[in-house]
Amino acid sequence: MKFAEILSGSRVAACVAVTSKKRALEETAKLLALGAPGVGHVEILGSLAGREKLGSTGLGHGVAIPHGRIPGITVSVGAFVRLKHPVDYETHDGQPVDLMFGLLVPQNATGEHLQHLAAIAEKFSDDGFCAQVRQAADAAALYALLTG
């Protein structure tokens, strides 16, 4: 999977200032809503928060992949948020999160869901890539890096 298949420049944000995991999820939900016509960010936030209740989607090393299934969408939608300051995310390694790749998939797209999560996790397990993402100047540079 290529990130360009699920991500658009309008759904990438840099230096987002929030003070909690909840606020970070809200910002991610708002961006995801831009790619999910007819689905509101409150519904998306509910899906993301519901998944978090099952266990943190934090990968470790400051990265999280909040994700959820949404009825009414037909394609997977991604959004990326780089936080200005890391927030506590209840991760396995205890490190706060500053990089968040949000993912929505259609309600019944189990295989696709797992493929997307695996591709995102693989990309963000590369410390060198994460360092580049953290140093990117702005949202446009982030989008170019993520989709390049």
N, C-alpha and C. Protein backbone atom coordinates (compact mmCIF):
# COMPACT_ATOMS: atom_id res chain seq x y z
N MET A 1 0.84 -1.19 0.00
CA MET A 1 0.00 0.00 0.00
C MET A 1 0.88 1.24 0.00
N LYS A 2 0.48 2.22 -0.79
CA LYS A 2 1.16 3.51 -0.80
C LYS A 2 0.29 4.49 -0.04
N PHE A 3 0.93 5.31 0.79
CA PHE A 3 0.18 6.28 1.59
C PHE A 3 -0.64 7.22 0.71
N ALA A 4 -0.17 7.50 -0.50
CA ALA A 4 -0.90 8.40 -1.39
C ALA A 4 -2.28 7.86 -1.74
N GLU A 5 -2.49 6.55 -1.60
CA GLU A 5 -3.78 5.94 -1.90
C GLU A 5 -4.85 6.32 -0.87
N ILE A 6 -4.42 6.63 0.36
CA ILE A 6 -5.39 6.91 1.42
C ILE A 6 -5.23 8.29 2.04
N LEU A 7 -4.20 9.02 1.63
CA LEU A 7 -3.87 10.30 2.25
C LEU A 7 -3.92 11.43 1.23
N SER A 8 -4.35 12.60 1.66
CA SER A 8 -4.29 13.78 0.80
C SER A 8 -3.60 14.89 1.59
N GLY A 9 -3.10 15.88 0.88
CA GLY A 9 -2.41 16.98 1.53
C GLY A 9 -3.28 17.73 2.53
N SER A 10 -4.58 17.76 2.27
CA SER A 10 -5.49 18.47 3.18
C SER A 10 -5.70 17.74 4.50
N ARG A 11 -5.25 16.49 4.56
CA ARG A 11 -5.42 15.70 5.78
C ARG A 11 -4.08 15.45 6.48
N VAL A 12 -3.15 16.37 6.29
CA VAL A 12 -1.85 16.31 6.96
C VAL A 12 -1.67 17.62 7.71
N ALA A 13 -1.34 17.53 8.99
CA ALA A 13 -1.16 18.74 9.81
C ALA A 13 0.14 18.65 10.60
N ALA A 14 0.83 19.78 10.70
CA ALA A 14 2.08 19.85 11.44
C ALA A 14 1.92 20.82 12.61
N CYS A 15 2.63 20.56 13.67
CA CYS A 15 2.68 21.46 14.84
C CYS A 15 1.30 21.72 15.45
N VAL A 16 0.50 20.67 15.58
CA VAL A 16 -0.82 20.79 16.18
C VAL A 16 -0.64 20.85 17.70
N ALA A 17 -1.15 21.92 18.31
CA ALA A 17 -0.98 22.13 19.75
C ALA A 17 -2.19 21.59 20.51
N VAL A 18 -1.99 20.48 21.22
CA VAL A 18 -3.01 19.90 22.08
C VAL A 18 -2.33 19.51 23.40
N THR A 19 -3.15 19.25 24.42
CA THR A 19 -2.57 18.93 25.72
C THR A 19 -2.96 17.55 26.23
N SER A 20 -3.73 16.79 25.43
CA SER A 20 -4.17 15.48 25.91
C SER A 20 -4.40 14.53 24.73
N LYS A 21 -4.46 13.25 25.07
CA LYS A 21 -4.76 12.23 24.07
C LYS A 21 -6.14 12.49 23.45
N LYS A 22 -7.11 12.85 24.28
CA LYS A 22 -8.46 13.10 23.78
C LYS A 22 -8.46 14.21 22.74
N ARG A 23 -7.76 15.30 23.03
CA ARG A 23 -7.70 16.42 22.07
C ARG A 23 -6.96 16.02 20.79
N ALA A 24 -5.93 15.21 20.93
CA ALA A 24 -5.19 14.74 19.76
C ALA A 24 -6.10 13.87 18.88
N LEU A 25 -6.89 13.02 19.51
CA LEU A 25 -7.84 12.20 18.75
C LEU A 25 -8.90 13.07 18.08
N GLU A 26 -9.34 14.14 18.75
CA GLU A 26 -10.32 15.05 18.15
C GLU A 26 -9.76 15.69 16.89
N GLU A 27 -8.52 16.15 16.96
CA GLU A 27 -7.90 16.78 15.78
C GLU A 27 -7.74 15.77 14.65
N THR A 28 -7.37 14.56 14.98
CA THR A 28 -7.24 13.50 13.97
C THR A 28 -8.60 13.20 13.34
N ALA A 29 -9.64 13.14 14.17
CA ALA A 29 -11.00 12.88 13.67
C ALA A 29 -11.46 13.97 12.71
N LYS A 30 -11.14 15.22 13.03
CA LYS A 30 -11.53 16.34 12.15
C LYS A 30 -10.87 16.21 10.78
N LEU A 31 -9.60 15.84 10.77
CA LEU A 31 -8.91 15.66 9.49
C LEU A 31 -9.48 14.48 8.72
N LEU A 32 -9.72 13.37 9.42
CA LEU A 32 -10.29 12.20 8.75
C LEU A 32 -11.66 12.52 8.14
N ALA A 33 -12.44 13.36 8.81
CA ALA A 33 -13.77 13.73 8.30
C ALA A 33 -13.69 14.43 6.95
N LEU A 34 -12.57 15.09 6.67
CA LEU A 34 -12.41 15.76 5.38
C LEU A 34 -12.40 14.75 4.22
N GLY A 35 -12.04 13.50 4.52
CA GLY A 35 -12.01 12.48 3.48
C GLY A 35 -13.15 11.50 3.53
N ALA A 36 -14.11 11.77 4.42
CA ALA A 36 -15.24 10.86 4.59
C ALA A 36 -16.54 11.64 4.48
N PRO A 37 -16.93 12.02 3.26
CA PRO A 37 -18.15 12.79 3.07
C PRO A 37 -19.36 12.11 3.70
N GLY A 38 -20.15 12.90 4.40
CA GLY A 38 -21.36 12.37 5.02
C GLY A 38 -21.14 11.78 6.39
N VAL A 39 -19.89 11.76 6.85
CA VAL A 39 -19.59 11.24 8.18
C VAL A 39 -19.00 12.40 8.99
N GLY A 40 -19.59 12.67 10.13
CA GLY A 40 -19.12 13.77 10.95
C GLY A 40 -17.93 13.40 11.82
N HIS A 41 -17.18 14.42 12.23
CA HIS A 41 -15.99 14.14 13.03
C HIS A 41 -16.36 13.57 14.41
N VAL A 42 -17.56 13.86 14.90
CA VAL A 42 -17.97 13.32 16.20
C VAL A 42 -18.15 11.80 16.10
N GLU A 43 -18.75 11.34 15.00
CA GLU A 43 -18.91 9.90 14.79
C GLU A 43 -17.54 9.23 14.64
N ILE A 44 -16.65 9.88 13.92
CA ILE A 44 -15.30 9.35 13.74
C ILE A 44 -14.57 9.30 15.07
N LEU A 45 -14.67 10.37 15.85
CA LEU A 45 -14.04 10.38 17.17
C LEU A 45 -14.58 9.24 18.03
N GLY A 46 -15.87 8.98 17.96
CA GLY A 46 -16.46 7.87 18.71
C GLY A 46 -15.85 6.54 18.32
N SER A 47 -15.62 6.34 17.02
CA SER A 47 -15.01 5.10 16.54
C SER A 47 -13.57 4.99 17.03
N LEU A 48 -12.82 6.08 16.92
CA LEU A 48 -11.42 6.06 17.36
C LEU A 48 -11.33 5.81 18.87
N ALA A 49 -12.17 6.53 19.63
CA ALA A 49 -12.15 6.39 21.09
C ALA A 49 -12.59 4.99 21.52
N GLY A 50 -13.57 4.43 20.80
CA GLY A 50 -14.02 3.07 21.10
C GLY A 50 -12.90 2.07 20.91
N ARG A 51 -12.12 2.25 19.86
CA ARG A 51 -10.98 1.35 19.62
C ARG A 51 -9.92 1.52 20.72
N GLU A 52 -9.70 2.76 21.16
CA GLU A 52 -8.71 3.01 22.21
C GLU A 52 -9.10 2.32 23.53
N LYS A 53 -10.39 2.17 23.76
CA LYS A 53 -10.85 1.51 24.99
C LYS A 53 -10.44 0.04 25.01
N LEU A 54 -10.24 -0.54 23.83
CA LEU A 54 -9.81 -1.94 23.74
C LEU A 54 -8.31 -2.08 24.04
N GLY A 55 -7.59 -0.99 23.96
CA GLY A 55 -6.15 -0.98 24.17
C GLY A 55 -5.54 0.15 23.36
N SER A 56 -4.48 0.71 23.86
CA SER A 56 -3.83 1.84 23.19
C SER A 56 -3.36 1.46 21.79
N THR A 57 -3.54 2.37 20.86
CA THR A 57 -3.04 2.17 19.51
C THR A 57 -1.64 2.77 19.35
N GLY A 58 -1.02 3.10 20.48
CA GLY A 58 0.35 3.59 20.45
C GLY A 58 1.31 2.47 20.08
N LEU A 59 2.17 2.73 19.08
CA LEU A 59 3.16 1.74 18.65
C LEU A 59 4.39 1.75 19.54
N GLY A 60 4.63 2.88 20.18
CA GLY A 60 5.87 3.10 20.90
C GLY A 60 6.73 4.08 20.13
N HIS A 61 7.79 4.55 20.76
CA HIS A 61 8.73 5.50 20.15
C HIS A 61 8.03 6.78 19.67
N GLY A 62 6.94 7.15 20.35
CA GLY A 62 6.26 8.40 20.03
C GLY A 62 5.26 8.34 18.89
N VAL A 63 4.90 7.13 18.45
CA VAL A 63 4.01 6.96 17.30
C VAL A 63 2.72 6.26 17.72
N ALA A 64 1.59 6.72 17.18
CA ALA A 64 0.30 6.06 17.40
C ALA A 64 -0.44 5.95 16.07
N ILE A 65 -1.27 4.90 15.97
CA ILE A 65 -2.10 4.70 14.78
C ILE A 65 -3.55 4.54 15.23
N PRO A 66 -4.19 5.65 15.62
CA PRO A 66 -5.61 5.53 15.97
C PRO A 66 -6.40 5.12 14.73
N HIS A 67 -7.29 4.15 14.89
CA HIS A 67 -8.02 3.65 13.73
C HIS A 67 -9.40 3.16 14.14
N GLY A 68 -10.27 3.10 13.13
CA GLY A 68 -11.62 2.63 13.38
C GLY A 68 -12.33 2.25 12.10
N ARG A 69 -13.43 1.55 12.28
CA ARG A 69 -14.29 1.16 11.17
C ARG A 69 -15.50 2.09 11.17
N ILE A 70 -15.91 2.49 9.99
CA ILE A 70 -17.03 3.42 9.86
C ILE A 70 -18.00 2.92 8.80
N PRO A 71 -19.27 2.73 9.17
CA PRO A 71 -20.25 2.40 8.13
C PRO A 71 -20.47 3.63 7.24
N GLY A 72 -20.74 3.38 5.99
CA GLY A 72 -21.06 4.49 5.10
C GLY A 72 -19.90 4.99 4.27
N ILE A 73 -18.68 4.54 4.55
CA ILE A 73 -17.58 4.91 3.66
C ILE A 73 -17.25 3.70 2.80
N THR A 74 -16.71 3.96 1.62
CA THR A 74 -16.43 2.87 0.69
C THR A 74 -14.94 2.66 0.46
N VAL A 75 -14.13 3.61 0.89
CA VAL A 75 -12.67 3.49 0.74
C VAL A 75 -12.01 3.86 2.06
N SER A 76 -10.81 3.38 2.24
CA SER A 76 -10.04 3.73 3.43
C SER A 76 -9.57 5.17 3.34
N VAL A 77 -9.51 5.83 4.50
CA VAL A 77 -9.12 7.23 4.58
C VAL A 77 -8.05 7.38 5.64
N GLY A 78 -6.98 8.10 5.31
CA GLY A 78 -5.91 8.35 6.27
C GLY A 78 -5.76 9.82 6.56
N ALA A 79 -5.17 10.12 7.71
CA ALA A 79 -4.83 11.48 8.10
C ALA A 79 -3.58 11.41 8.96
N PHE A 80 -2.76 12.43 8.88
CA PHE A 80 -1.54 12.44 9.68
C PHE A 80 -1.44 13.73 10.48
N VAL A 81 -1.08 13.59 11.74
CA VAL A 81 -0.93 14.74 12.63
C VAL A 81 0.42 14.65 13.33
N ARG A 82 1.19 15.72 13.22
CA ARG A 82 2.41 15.83 14.03
C ARG A 82 2.11 16.86 15.11
N LEU A 83 2.18 16.42 16.35
CA LEU A 83 1.86 17.30 17.47
C LEU A 83 3.04 18.22 17.80
N LYS A 84 2.70 19.41 18.24
CA LYS A 84 3.73 20.38 18.63
C LYS A 84 4.47 19.88 19.87
N HIS A 85 3.71 19.32 20.82
CA HIS A 85 4.29 18.76 22.04
C HIS A 85 3.71 17.36 22.24
N PRO A 86 4.55 16.38 22.57
CA PRO A 86 4.05 15.02 22.80
C PRO A 86 3.03 14.98 23.94
N VAL A 87 2.07 14.04 23.82
CA VAL A 87 1.06 13.86 24.86
C VAL A 87 1.12 12.43 25.39
N ASP A 88 0.70 12.26 26.64
CA ASP A 88 0.62 10.92 27.22
C ASP A 88 -0.43 10.14 26.44
N TYR A 89 -0.08 8.94 26.00
CA TYR A 89 -0.97 8.15 25.15
C TYR A 89 -1.18 6.74 25.69
N GLU A 90 -0.69 6.50 26.90
CA GLU A 90 -0.83 5.18 27.51
C GLU A 90 -0.23 4.08 26.63
N THR A 91 0.96 4.34 26.10
CA THR A 91 1.63 3.39 25.23
C THR A 91 2.33 2.30 26.03
N HIS A 92 2.68 1.22 25.35
CA HIS A 92 3.35 0.09 25.99
C HIS A 92 4.71 0.49 26.55
N ASP A 93 5.40 1.38 25.82
CA ASP A 93 6.73 1.78 26.28
C ASP A 93 6.71 3.00 27.20
N GLY A 94 5.51 3.54 27.43
CA GLY A 94 5.38 4.68 28.34
C GLY A 94 5.81 6.02 27.75
N GLN A 95 6.24 6.04 26.50
CA GLN A 95 6.68 7.29 25.88
C GLN A 95 5.48 8.07 25.35
N PRO A 96 5.52 9.39 25.50
CA PRO A 96 4.43 10.21 24.95
C PRO A 96 4.47 10.17 23.42
N VAL A 97 3.34 10.50 22.81
CA VAL A 97 3.17 10.42 21.36
C VAL A 97 3.18 11.81 20.74
N ASP A 98 3.90 11.93 19.62
CA ASP A 98 3.86 13.19 18.85
C ASP A 98 3.56 12.95 17.38
N LEU A 99 3.53 11.70 16.93
CA LEU A 99 3.21 11.37 15.54
C LEU A 99 2.00 10.45 15.52
N MET A 100 0.94 10.88 14.82
CA MET A 100 -0.30 10.11 14.77
C MET A 100 -0.77 9.93 13.34
N PHE A 101 -0.91 8.69 12.93
CA PHE A 101 -1.47 8.38 11.61
C PHE A 101 -2.85 7.79 11.84
N GLY A 102 -3.89 8.56 11.57
CA GLY A 102 -5.26 8.11 11.74
C GLY A 102 -5.74 7.34 10.52
N LEU A 103 -6.54 6.30 10.76
CA LEU A 103 -7.03 5.47 9.67
C LEU A 103 -8.48 5.10 9.89
N LEU A 104 -9.28 5.30 8.85
CA LEU A 104 -10.67 4.83 8.83
C LEU A 104 -10.79 3.82 7.70
N VAL A 105 -11.52 2.74 7.98
CA VAL A 105 -11.78 1.75 6.92
C VAL A 105 -13.27 1.46 6.88
N PRO A 106 -13.76 1.02 5.72
CA PRO A 106 -15.17 0.64 5.64
C PRO A 106 -15.50 -0.45 6.66
N GLN A 107 -16.73 -0.48 7.09
CA GLN A 107 -17.18 -1.39 8.15
C GLN A 107 -16.73 -2.84 7.96
N ASN A 108 -16.82 -3.36 6.74
CA ASN A 108 -16.54 -4.78 6.52
C ASN A 108 -15.20 -5.07 5.86
N ALA A 109 -14.28 -4.11 5.86
CA ALA A 109 -13.00 -4.27 5.16
C ALA A 109 -11.91 -4.81 6.07
N THR A 110 -12.08 -6.01 6.59
CA THR A 110 -11.13 -6.56 7.56
C THR A 110 -9.74 -6.75 6.97
N GLY A 111 -9.63 -7.40 5.82
CA GLY A 111 -8.32 -7.64 5.22
C GLY A 111 -7.60 -6.35 4.88
N GLU A 112 -8.33 -5.44 4.28
CA GLU A 112 -7.78 -4.13 3.91
C GLU A 112 -7.30 -3.39 5.15
N HIS A 113 -8.09 -3.44 6.20
CA HIS A 113 -7.78 -2.79 7.46
C HIS A 113 -6.43 -3.28 7.98
N LEU A 114 -6.27 -4.59 8.03
CA LEU A 114 -5.03 -5.17 8.55
C LEU A 114 -3.84 -4.85 7.66
N GLN A 115 -4.03 -4.85 6.35
CA GLN A 115 -2.94 -4.51 5.42
C GLN A 115 -2.48 -3.07 5.63
N HIS A 116 -3.44 -2.16 5.76
CA HIS A 116 -3.09 -0.75 5.96
C HIS A 116 -2.36 -0.56 7.29
N LEU A 117 -2.87 -1.17 8.35
CA LEU A 117 -2.21 -1.04 9.66
C LEU A 117 -0.79 -1.58 9.61
N ALA A 118 -0.60 -2.72 8.96
CA ALA A 118 0.73 -3.31 8.87
C ALA A 118 1.69 -2.40 8.10
N ALA A 119 1.22 -1.81 6.99
CA ALA A 119 2.06 -0.93 6.19
C ALA A 119 2.44 0.33 6.96
N ILE A 120 1.48 0.89 7.68
CA ILE A 120 1.75 2.10 8.48
C ILE A 120 2.73 1.76 9.60
N ALA A 121 2.48 0.67 10.30
CA ALA A 121 3.36 0.27 11.40
C ALA A 121 4.78 0.02 10.90
N GLU A 122 4.90 -0.63 9.75
CA GLU A 122 6.23 -0.91 9.21
C GLU A 122 6.97 0.38 8.89
N LYS A 123 6.30 1.31 8.24
CA LYS A 123 6.94 2.57 7.87
C LYS A 123 7.39 3.35 9.10
N PHE A 124 6.52 3.39 10.13
CA PHE A 124 6.83 4.18 11.32
C PHE A 124 7.68 3.43 12.34
N SER A 125 8.08 2.20 12.04
CA SER A 125 9.02 1.50 12.91
C SER A 125 10.46 1.83 12.51
N ASP A 126 10.61 2.56 11.42
CA ASP A 126 11.92 3.00 10.93
C ASP A 126 12.29 4.30 11.65
N ASP A 127 13.28 4.23 12.55
CA ASP A 127 13.67 5.41 13.33
C ASP A 127 14.15 6.56 12.45
N GLY A 128 14.84 6.23 11.36
CA GLY A 128 15.32 7.26 10.45
C GLY A 128 14.17 8.01 9.79
N PHE A 129 13.15 7.25 9.37
CA PHE A 129 11.97 7.88 8.76
C PHE A 129 11.27 8.78 9.78
N CYS A 130 11.11 8.29 11.01
CA CYS A 130 10.44 9.09 12.05
C CYS A 130 11.21 10.37 12.33
N ALA A 131 12.54 10.29 12.30
CA ALA A 131 13.35 11.49 12.52
C ALA A 131 13.10 12.51 11.41
N GLN A 132 13.01 12.03 10.16
CA GLN A 132 12.72 12.94 9.05
C GLN A 132 11.33 13.57 9.21
N VAL A 133 10.36 12.78 9.63
CA VAL A 133 9.00 13.29 9.83
C VAL A 133 9.00 14.38 10.91
N ARG A 134 9.74 14.13 11.98
CA ARG A 134 9.79 15.12 13.07
C ARG A 134 10.48 16.40 12.65
N GLN A 135 11.37 16.33 11.66
CA GLN A 135 12.12 17.51 11.23
C GLN A 135 11.51 18.23 10.03
N ALA A 136 10.50 17.65 9.42
CA ALA A 136 9.88 18.28 8.24
C ALA A 136 9.38 19.67 8.59
N ALA A 137 9.58 20.61 7.68
CA ALA A 137 9.31 22.02 7.96
C ALA A 137 7.84 22.34 8.16
N ASP A 138 6.96 21.71 7.39
CA ASP A 138 5.54 22.07 7.45
C ASP A 138 4.70 20.91 6.91
N ALA A 139 3.39 21.14 6.83
CA ALA A 139 2.47 20.09 6.39
C ALA A 139 2.77 19.64 4.95
N ALA A 140 3.14 20.57 4.09
CA ALA A 140 3.44 20.20 2.70
C ALA A 140 4.67 19.30 2.64
N ALA A 141 5.68 19.61 3.43
CA ALA A 141 6.88 18.78 3.47
C ALA A 141 6.56 17.41 4.07
N LEU A 142 5.69 17.38 5.07
CA LEU A 142 5.26 16.11 5.66
C LEU A 142 4.54 15.26 4.63
N TYR A 143 3.61 15.86 3.90
CA TYR A 143 2.87 15.12 2.88
C TYR A 143 3.82 14.55 1.83
N ALA A 144 4.78 15.35 1.38
CA ALA A 144 5.73 14.89 0.38
C ALA A 144 6.55 13.72 0.93
N LEU A 145 6.96 13.80 2.17
CA LEU A 145 7.73 12.73 2.79
C LEU A 145 6.90 11.45 2.95
N LEU A 146 5.67 11.62 3.39
CA LEU A 146 4.79 10.47 3.62
C LEU A 146 4.41 9.76 2.32
N THR A 147 4.26 10.50 1.25
CA THR A 147 3.80 9.91 0.00
C THR A 147 4.90 9.69 -1.02
N GLY A 148 6.12 10.12 -0.70
CA GLY A 148 7.24 10.01 -1.63
C GLY A 148 7.79 8.62 -1.79
